[in-house]
Amino acid sequence: LIKAYRSQLERTRDQQLQQAVRSLAHGHDPERVLSRLAHDLTNKLAHDPLVAIREAGKQGDGELLAAMRRLIKVDAEEP
């Protein structure tokens, strides 16, 4: 599980990095490219956990929500 998850994250990172390198090669503003890289990478890495959290919330699955809180180390009260 750990190996598969890490591999999945690395593939996502590599895809986003390649896209940023292509943008830089086309002469796009480096600051905008880096900002976009950070934004897109955050969105892609957070997507699946956020979908699971939303679904658990809709279904009232308190156990899964508690497990997700422990897993991602976030208090429910944080914005």
PDB file of N, CA and C in Angstrom:
ATOM      1  N   LEU A   1       0.833  -1.196   0.000  1.00  0.00           N
ATOM      2  CA  LEU A   1       0.000   0.000   0.000  1.00  0.00           C
ATOM      3  C   LEU A   1       0.870   1.251   0.000  1.00  0.00           C
ATOM      4  N   ILE A   2       1.887   1.262   0.845  1.00  0.00           N
ATOM      5  CA  ILE A   2       2.763   2.432   0.929  1.00  0.00           C
ATOM      6  C   ILE A   2       3.488   2.652  -0.392  1.00  0.00           C
ATOM      7  N   LYS A   3       4.021   1.577  -0.937  1.00  0.00           N
ATOM      8  CA  LYS A   3       4.764   1.661  -2.194  1.00  0.00           C
ATOM      9  C   LYS A   3       3.860   2.140  -3.335  1.00  0.00           C
ATOM     10  N   ALA A   4       2.669   1.586  -3.411  1.00  0.00           N
ATOM     11  CA  ALA A   4       1.730   1.950  -4.474  1.00  0.00           C
ATOM     12  C   ALA A   4       1.292   3.408  -4.341  1.00  0.00           C
ATOM     13  N   TYR A   5       1.011   3.844  -3.118  1.00  0.00           N
ATOM     14  CA  TYR A   5       0.584   5.226  -2.899  1.00  0.00           C
ATOM     15  C   TYR A   5       1.711   6.191  -3.244  1.00  0.00           C
ATOM     16  N   ARG A   6       2.911   5.877  -2.794  1.00  0.00           N
ATOM     17  CA  ARG A   6       4.057   6.744  -3.081  1.00  0.00           C
ATOM     18  C   ARG A   6       4.308   6.821  -4.593  1.00  0.00           C
ATOM     19  N   SER A   7       4.186   5.704  -5.269  1.00  0.00           N
ATOM     20  CA  SER A   7       4.365   5.671  -6.717  1.00  0.00           C
ATOM     21  C   SER A   7       3.319   6.542  -7.416  1.00  0.00           C
ATOM     22  N   GLN A   8       2.089   6.473  -6.942  1.00  0.00           N
ATOM     23  CA  GLN A   8       1.006   7.291  -7.493  1.00  0.00           C
ATOM     24  C   GLN A   8       1.317   8.777  -7.309  1.00  0.00           C
ATOM     25  N   LEU A   9       1.765   9.154  -6.117  1.00  0.00           N
ATOM     26  CA  LEU A   9       2.114  10.551  -5.850  1.00  0.00           C
ATOM     27  C   LEU A   9       3.273  11.007  -6.733  1.00  0.00           C
ATOM     28  N   GLU A  10       4.259  10.155  -6.896  1.00  0.00           N
ATOM     29  CA  GLU A  10       5.421  10.511  -7.718  1.00  0.00           C
ATOM     30  C   GLU A  10       5.043  10.674  -9.187  1.00  0.00           C
ATOM     31  N   ARG A  11       4.125   9.835  -9.683  1.00  0.00           N
ATOM     32  CA  ARG A  11       3.659   9.991 -11.068  1.00  0.00           C
ATOM     33  C   ARG A  11       2.960  11.336 -11.246  1.00  0.00           C
ATOM     34  N   THR A  12       2.124  11.684 -10.293  1.00  0.00           N
ATOM     35  CA  THR A  12       1.431  12.970 -10.355  1.00  0.00           C
ATOM     36  C   THR A  12       2.438  14.114 -10.331  1.00  0.00           C
ATOM     37  N   ARG A  13       3.403  14.039  -9.428  1.00  0.00           N
ATOM     38  CA  ARG A  13       4.445  15.063  -9.346  1.00  0.00           C
ATOM     39  C   ARG A  13       5.192  15.184 -10.662  1.00  0.00           C
ATOM     40  N   ASP A  14       5.597  14.054 -11.226  1.00  0.00           N
ATOM     41  CA  ASP A  14       6.364  14.062 -12.467  1.00  0.00           C
ATOM     42  C   ASP A  14       5.562  14.655 -13.623  1.00  0.00           C
ATOM     43  N   GLN A  15       4.276  14.331 -13.703  1.00  0.00           N
ATOM     44  CA  GLN A  15       3.427  14.882 -14.762  1.00  0.00           C
ATOM     45  C   GLN A  15       3.328  16.400 -14.641  1.00  0.00           C
ATOM     46  N   GLN A  16       3.114  16.871 -13.434  1.00  0.00           N
ATOM     47  CA  GLN A  16       2.995  18.314 -13.225  1.00  0.00           C
ATOM     48  C   GLN A  16       4.321  19.020 -13.485  1.00  0.00           C
ATOM     49  N   LEU A  17       5.406  18.403 -13.083  1.00  0.00           N
ATOM     50  CA  LEU A  17       6.725  18.983 -13.312  1.00  0.00           C
ATOM     51  C   LEU A  17       7.029  19.061 -14.807  1.00  0.00           C
ATOM     52  N   GLN A  18       6.713  18.016 -15.552  1.00  0.00           N
ATOM     53  CA  GLN A  18       6.931  18.027 -17.004  1.00  0.00           C
ATOM     54  C   GLN A  18       6.137  19.144 -17.668  1.00  0.00           C
ATOM     55  N   GLN A  19       4.913  19.335 -17.216  1.00  0.00           N
ATOM     56  CA  GLN A  19       4.078  20.402 -17.763  1.00  0.00           C
ATOM     57  C   GLN A  19       4.710  21.766 -17.484  1.00  0.00           C
ATOM     58  N   ALA A  20       5.239  21.954 -16.286  1.00  0.00           N
ATOM     59  CA  ALA A  20       5.887  23.217 -15.928  1.00  0.00           C
ATOM     60  C   ALA A  20       7.150  23.434 -16.756  1.00  0.00           C
ATOM     61  N   VAL A  21       7.929  22.393 -16.946  1.00  0.00           N
ATOM     62  CA  VAL A  21       9.152  22.502 -17.747  1.00  0.00           C
ATOM     63  C   VAL A  21       8.809  22.890 -19.187  1.00  0.00           C
ATOM     64  N   ARG A  22       7.756  22.296 -19.741  1.00  0.00           N
ATOM     65  CA  ARG A  22       7.324  22.658 -21.099  1.00  0.00           C
ATOM     66  C   ARG A  22       6.912  24.129 -21.169  1.00  0.00           C
ATOM     67  N   SER A  23       6.191  24.588 -20.154  1.00  0.00           N
ATOM     68  CA  SER A  23       5.778  25.995 -20.124  1.00  0.00           C
ATOM     69  C   SER A  23       6.988  26.917 -20.073  1.00  0.00           C
ATOM     70  N   LEU A  24       7.974  26.558 -19.266  1.00  0.00           N
ATOM     71  CA  LEU A  24       9.199  27.361 -19.188  1.00  0.00           C
ATOM     72  C   LEU A  24       9.935  27.353 -20.525  1.00  0.00           C
ATOM     73  N   ALA A  25       9.971  26.200 -21.182  1.00  0.00           N
ATOM     74  CA  ALA A  25      10.647  26.085 -22.476  1.00  0.00           C
ATOM     75  C   ALA A  25       9.968  26.939 -23.545  1.00  0.00           C
ATOM     76  N   HIS A  26       8.664  27.179 -23.370  1.00  0.00           N
ATOM     77  CA  HIS A  26       7.925  28.024 -24.310  1.00  0.00           C
ATOM     78  C   HIS A  26       8.018  29.505 -23.938  1.00  0.00           C
ATOM     79  N   GLY A  27       8.821  29.805 -22.934  1.00  0.00           N
ATOM     80  CA  GLY A  27       9.066  31.201 -22.582  1.00  0.00           C
ATOM     81  C   GLY A  27       8.063  31.830 -21.637  1.00  0.00           C
ATOM     82  N   HIS A  28       7.226  31.030 -21.010  1.00  0.00           N
ATOM     83  CA  HIS A  28       6.267  31.592 -20.061  1.00  0.00           C
ATOM     84  C   HIS A  28       6.979  32.116 -18.818  1.00  0.00           C
ATOM     85  N   ASP A  29       6.352  33.068 -18.170  1.00  0.00           N
ATOM     86  CA  ASP A  29       6.906  33.711 -16.981  1.00  0.00           C
ATOM     87  C   ASP A  29       7.177  32.669 -15.889  1.00  0.00           C
ATOM     88  N   PRO A  30       8.435  32.542 -15.449  1.00  0.00           N
ATOM     89  CA  PRO A  30       8.780  31.522 -14.450  1.00  0.00           C
ATOM     90  C   PRO A  30       7.976  31.632 -13.151  1.00  0.00           C
ATOM     91  N   GLU A  31       7.708  32.837 -12.699  1.00  0.00           N
ATOM     92  CA  GLU A  31       6.940  32.993 -11.459  1.00  0.00           C
ATOM     93  C   GLU A  31       5.521  32.453 -11.622  1.00  0.00           C
ATOM     94  N   ARG A  32       4.909  32.738 -12.762  1.00  0.00           N
ATOM     95  CA  ARG A  32       3.553  32.229 -13.017  1.00  0.00           C
ATOM     96  C   ARG A  32       3.561  30.713 -13.184  1.00  0.00           C
ATOM     97  N   VAL A  33       4.596  30.194 -13.828  1.00  0.00           N
ATOM     98  CA  VAL A  33       4.708  28.741 -14.020  1.00  0.00           C
ATOM     99  C   VAL A  33       4.835  28.042 -12.672  1.00  0.00           C
ATOM    100  N   LEU A  34       5.688  28.575 -11.794  1.00  0.00           N
ATOM    101  CA  LEU A  34       5.856  27.969 -10.467  1.00  0.00           C
ATOM    102  C   LEU A  34       4.584  28.071  -9.640  1.00  0.00           C
ATOM    103  N   SER A  35       3.917  29.213  -9.728  1.00  0.00           N
ATOM    104  CA  SER A  35       2.660  29.381  -8.996  1.00  0.00           C
ATOM    105  C   SER A  35       1.619  28.376  -9.482  1.00  0.00           C
ATOM    106  N   ARG A  36       1.536  28.208 -10.796  1.00  0.00           N
ATOM    107  CA  ARG A  36       0.586  27.257 -11.371  1.00  0.00           C
ATOM    108  C   ARG A  36       0.950  25.821 -10.986  1.00  0.00           C
ATOM    109  N   LEU A  37       2.241  25.513 -10.994  1.00  0.00           N
ATOM    110  CA  LEU A  37       2.703  24.184 -10.591  1.00  0.00           C
ATOM    111  C   LEU A  37       2.270  23.882  -9.159  1.00  0.00           C
ATOM    112  N   ALA A  38       2.504  24.827  -8.260  1.00  0.00           N
ATOM    113  CA  ALA A  38       2.133  24.622  -6.858  1.00  0.00           C
ATOM    114  C   ALA A  38       0.623  24.445  -6.714  1.00  0.00           C
ATOM    115  N   HIS A  39      -0.141  25.278  -7.408  1.00  0.00           N
ATOM    116  CA  HIS A  39      -1.605  25.213  -7.348  1.00  0.00           C
ATOM    117  C   HIS A  39      -2.124  23.879  -7.881  1.00  0.00           C
ATOM    118  N   ASP A  40      -1.675  23.516  -9.076  1.00  0.00           N
ATOM    119  CA  ASP A  40      -2.153  22.279  -9.702  1.00  0.00           C
ATOM    120  C   ASP A  40      -1.739  21.040  -8.920  1.00  0.00           C
ATOM    121  N   LEU A  41      -0.512  21.030  -8.420  1.00  0.00           N
ATOM    122  CA  LEU A  41      -0.039  19.879  -7.652  1.00  0.00           C
ATOM    123  C   LEU A  41      -0.845  19.722  -6.364  1.00  0.00           C
ATOM    124  N   THR A  42      -1.101  20.831  -5.686  1.00  0.00           N
ATOM    125  CA  THR A  42      -1.928  20.789  -4.475  1.00  0.00           C
ATOM    126  C   THR A  42      -3.307  20.227  -4.787  1.00  0.00           C
ATOM    127  N   ASN A  43      -3.933  20.733  -5.851  1.00  0.00           N
ATOM    128  CA  ASN A  43      -5.271  20.261  -6.219  1.00  0.00           C
ATOM    129  C   ASN A  43      -5.285  18.777  -6.553  1.00  0.00           C
ATOM    130  N   LYS A  44      -4.318  18.329  -7.322  1.00  0.00           N
ATOM    131  CA  LYS A  44      -4.301  16.924  -7.725  1.00  0.00           C
ATOM    132  C   LYS A  44      -4.039  15.988  -6.544  1.00  0.00           C
ATOM    133  N   LEU A  45      -3.125  16.374  -5.660  1.00  0.00           N
ATOM    134  CA  LEU A  45      -2.810  15.510  -4.517  1.00  0.00           C
ATOM    135  C   LEU A  45      -3.942  15.500  -3.486  1.00  0.00           C
ATOM    136  N   ALA A  46      -4.672  16.597  -3.382  1.00  0.00           N
ATOM    137  CA  ALA A  46      -5.742  16.686  -2.386  1.00  0.00           C
ATOM    138  C   ALA A  46      -7.072  16.132  -2.892  1.00  0.00           C
ATOM    139  N   HIS A  47      -7.224  15.971  -4.196  1.00  0.00           N
ATOM    140  CA  HIS A  47      -8.524  15.633  -4.772  1.00  0.00           C
ATOM    141  C   HIS A  47      -9.159  14.368  -4.178  1.00  0.00           C
ATOM    142  N   ASP A  48      -8.477  13.243  -4.249  1.00  0.00           N
ATOM    143  CA  ASP A  48      -9.074  11.982  -3.787  1.00  0.00           C
ATOM    144  C   ASP A  48      -9.420  11.998  -2.297  1.00  0.00           C
ATOM    145  N   PRO A  49      -8.517  12.476  -1.425  1.00  0.00           N
ATOM    146  CA  PRO A  49      -8.903  12.554  -0.012  1.00  0.00           C
ATOM    147  C   PRO A  49     -10.103  13.476   0.219  1.00  0.00           C
ATOM    148  N   LEU A  50     -10.170  14.600  -0.497  1.00  0.00           N
ATOM    149  CA  LEU A  50     -11.298  15.514  -0.318  1.00  0.00           C
ATOM    150  C   LEU A  50     -12.609  14.899  -0.785  1.00  0.00           C
ATOM    151  N   VAL A  51     -12.562  14.148  -1.869  1.00  0.00           N
ATOM    152  CA  VAL A  51     -13.764  13.450  -2.342  1.00  0.00           C
ATOM    153  C   VAL A  51     -14.228  12.455  -1.280  1.00  0.00           C
ATOM    154  N   ALA A  52     -13.292  11.712  -0.695  1.00  0.00           N
ATOM    155  CA  ALA A  52     -13.642  10.738   0.347  1.00  0.00           C
ATOM    156  C   ALA A  52     -14.229  11.432   1.574  1.00  0.00           C
ATOM    157  N   ILE A  53     -13.674  12.573   1.953  1.00  0.00           N
ATOM    158  CA  ILE A  53     -14.184  13.320   3.107  1.00  0.00           C
ATOM    159  C   ILE A  53     -15.592  13.830   2.829  1.00  0.00           C
ATOM    160  N   ARG A  54     -15.813  14.398   1.642  1.00  0.00           N
ATOM    161  CA  ARG A  54     -17.155  14.884   1.289  1.00  0.00           C
ATOM    162  C   ARG A  54     -18.177  13.751   1.324  1.00  0.00           C
ATOM    163  N   GLU A  55     -17.813  12.624   0.744  1.00  0.00           N
ATOM    164  CA  GLU A  55     -18.727  11.478   0.696  1.00  0.00           C
ATOM    165  C   GLU A  55     -19.019  10.955   2.098  1.00  0.00           C
ATOM    166  N   ALA A  56     -17.998  10.871   2.931  1.00  0.00           N
ATOM    167  CA  ALA A  56     -18.202  10.417   4.312  1.00  0.00           C
ATOM    168  C   ALA A  56     -19.110  11.384   5.057  1.00  0.00           C
ATOM    169  N   GLY A  57     -18.943  12.670   4.813  1.00  0.00           N
ATOM    170  CA  GLY A  57     -19.801  13.670   5.446  1.00  0.00           C
ATOM    171  C   GLY A  57     -21.246  13.530   5.014  1.00  0.00           C
ATOM    172  N   LYS A  58     -21.467  13.323   3.713  1.00  0.00           N
ATOM    173  CA  LYS A  58     -22.824  13.149   3.184  1.00  0.00           C
ATOM    174  C   LYS A  58     -23.493  11.916   3.778  1.00  0.00           C
ATOM    175  N   GLN A  59     -22.703  10.849   3.964  1.00  0.00           N
ATOM    176  CA  GLN A  59     -23.253   9.592   4.464  1.00  0.00           C
ATOM    177  C   GLN A  59     -23.282   9.530   5.988  1.00  0.00           C
ATOM    178  N   GLY A  60     -22.755  10.563   6.641  1.00  0.00           N
ATOM    179  CA  GLY A  60     -22.722  10.565   8.102  1.00  0.00           C
ATOM    180  C   GLY A  60     -21.779   9.523   8.674  1.00  0.00           C
ATOM    181  N   ASP A  61     -20.718   9.212   7.948  1.00  0.00           N
ATOM    182  CA  ASP A  61     -19.757   8.192   8.370  1.00  0.00           C
ATOM    183  C   ASP A  61     -18.715   8.816   9.299  1.00  0.00           C
ATOM    184  N   GLY A  62     -19.077   8.919  10.577  1.00  0.00           N
ATOM    185  CA  GLY A  62     -18.205   9.530  11.571  1.00  0.00           C
ATOM    186  C   GLY A  62     -16.886   8.805  11.752  1.00  0.00           C
ATOM    187  N   GLU A  63     -16.907   7.494  11.620  1.00  0.00           N
ATOM    188  CA  GLU A  63     -15.663   6.721  11.769  1.00  0.00           C
ATOM    189  C   GLU A  63     -14.656   7.075  10.682  1.00  0.00           C
ATOM    190  N   LEU A  64     -15.137   7.150   9.449  1.00  0.00           N
ATOM    191  CA  LEU A  64     -14.232   7.492   8.351  1.00  0.00           C
ATOM    192  C   LEU A  64     -13.740   8.931   8.496  1.00  0.00           C
ATOM    193  N   LEU A  65     -14.633   9.835   8.898  1.00  0.00           N
ATOM    194  CA  LEU A  65     -14.214  11.226   9.100  1.00  0.00           C
ATOM    195  C   LEU A  65     -13.149  11.324  10.191  1.00  0.00           C
ATOM    196  N   ALA A  66     -13.318  10.583  11.268  1.00  0.00           N
ATOM    197  CA  ALA A  66     -12.323  10.585  12.348  1.00  0.00           C
ATOM    198  C   ALA A  66     -10.995  10.017  11.853  1.00  0.00           C
ATOM    199  N   ALA A  67     -11.066   8.950  11.067  1.00  0.00           N
ATOM    200  CA  ALA A  67      -9.843   8.360  10.515  1.00  0.00           C
ATOM    201  C   ALA A  67      -9.151   9.339   9.566  1.00  0.00           C
ATOM    202  N   MET A  68      -9.925  10.038   8.756  1.00  0.00           N
ATOM    203  CA  MET A  68      -9.344  11.019   7.837  1.00  0.00           C
ATOM    204  C   MET A  68      -8.693  12.166   8.606  1.00  0.00           C
ATOM    205  N   ARG A  69      -9.336  12.607   9.692  1.00  0.00           N
ATOM    206  CA  ARG A  69      -8.731  13.662  10.529  1.00  0.00           C
ATOM    207  C   ARG A  69      -7.366  13.228  11.044  1.00  0.00           C
ATOM    208  N   ARG A  70      -7.284  11.982  11.502  1.00  0.00           N
ATOM    209  CA  ARG A  70      -5.996  11.464  11.993  1.00  0.00           C
ATOM    210  C   ARG A  70      -4.988  11.337  10.853  1.00  0.00           C
ATOM    211  N   LEU A  71      -5.453  10.862   9.722  1.00  0.00           N
ATOM    212  CA  LEU A  71      -4.576  10.631   8.581  1.00  0.00           C
ATOM    213  C   LEU A  71      -3.974  11.924   8.046  1.00  0.00           C
ATOM    214  N   ILE A  72      -4.805  12.938   7.871  1.00  0.00           N
ATOM    215  CA  ILE A  72      -4.294  14.178   7.283  1.00  0.00           C
ATOM    216  C   ILE A  72      -3.893  15.209   8.328  1.00  0.00           C
ATOM    217  N   LYS A  73      -4.082  14.867   9.608  1.00  0.00           N
ATOM    218  CA  LYS A  73      -3.643  15.703  10.730  1.00  0.00           C
ATOM    219  C   LYS A  73      -4.199  17.122  10.660  1.00  0.00           C
ATOM    220  N   VAL A  74      -5.533  17.197  10.532  1.00  0.00           N
ATOM    221  CA  VAL A  74      -6.219  18.482  10.479  1.00  0.00           C
ATOM    222  C   VAL A  74      -7.365  18.456  11.473  1.00  0.00           C
ATOM    223  N   ASP A  75      -7.493  19.542  12.247  1.00  0.00           N
ATOM    224  CA  ASP A  75      -8.638  19.689  13.134  1.00  0.00           C
ATOM    225  C   ASP A  75      -9.824  20.188  12.326  1.00  0.00           C
ATOM    226  N   ALA A  76     -11.021  19.730  12.654  1.00  0.00           N
ATOM    227  CA  ALA A  76     -12.222  20.119  11.928  1.00  0.00           C
ATOM    228  C   ALA A  76     -12.477  21.616  12.027  1.00  0.00           C
ATOM    229  N   GLU A  77     -12.006  22.272  13.071  1.00  0.00           N
ATOM    230  CA  GLU A  77     -12.270  23.689  13.278  1.00  0.00           C
ATOM    231  C   GLU A  77     -11.395  24.591  12.415  1.00  0.00           C
ATOM    232  N   GLU A  78     -10.313  24.079  11.864  1.00  0.00           N
ATOM    233  CA  GLU A  78      -9.436  24.907  11.038  1.00  0.00           C
ATOM    234  C   GLU A  78     -10.151  25.290   9.754  1.00  0.00           C
ATOM    235  N   PRO A  79      -9.888  26.523   9.252  1.00  0.00           N
ATOM    236  CA  PRO A  79     -10.551  26.962   8.008  1.00  0.00           C
ATOM    237  C   PRO A  79     -10.090  26.183   6.797  1.00  0.00           C
TER     238      PRO A  79
END
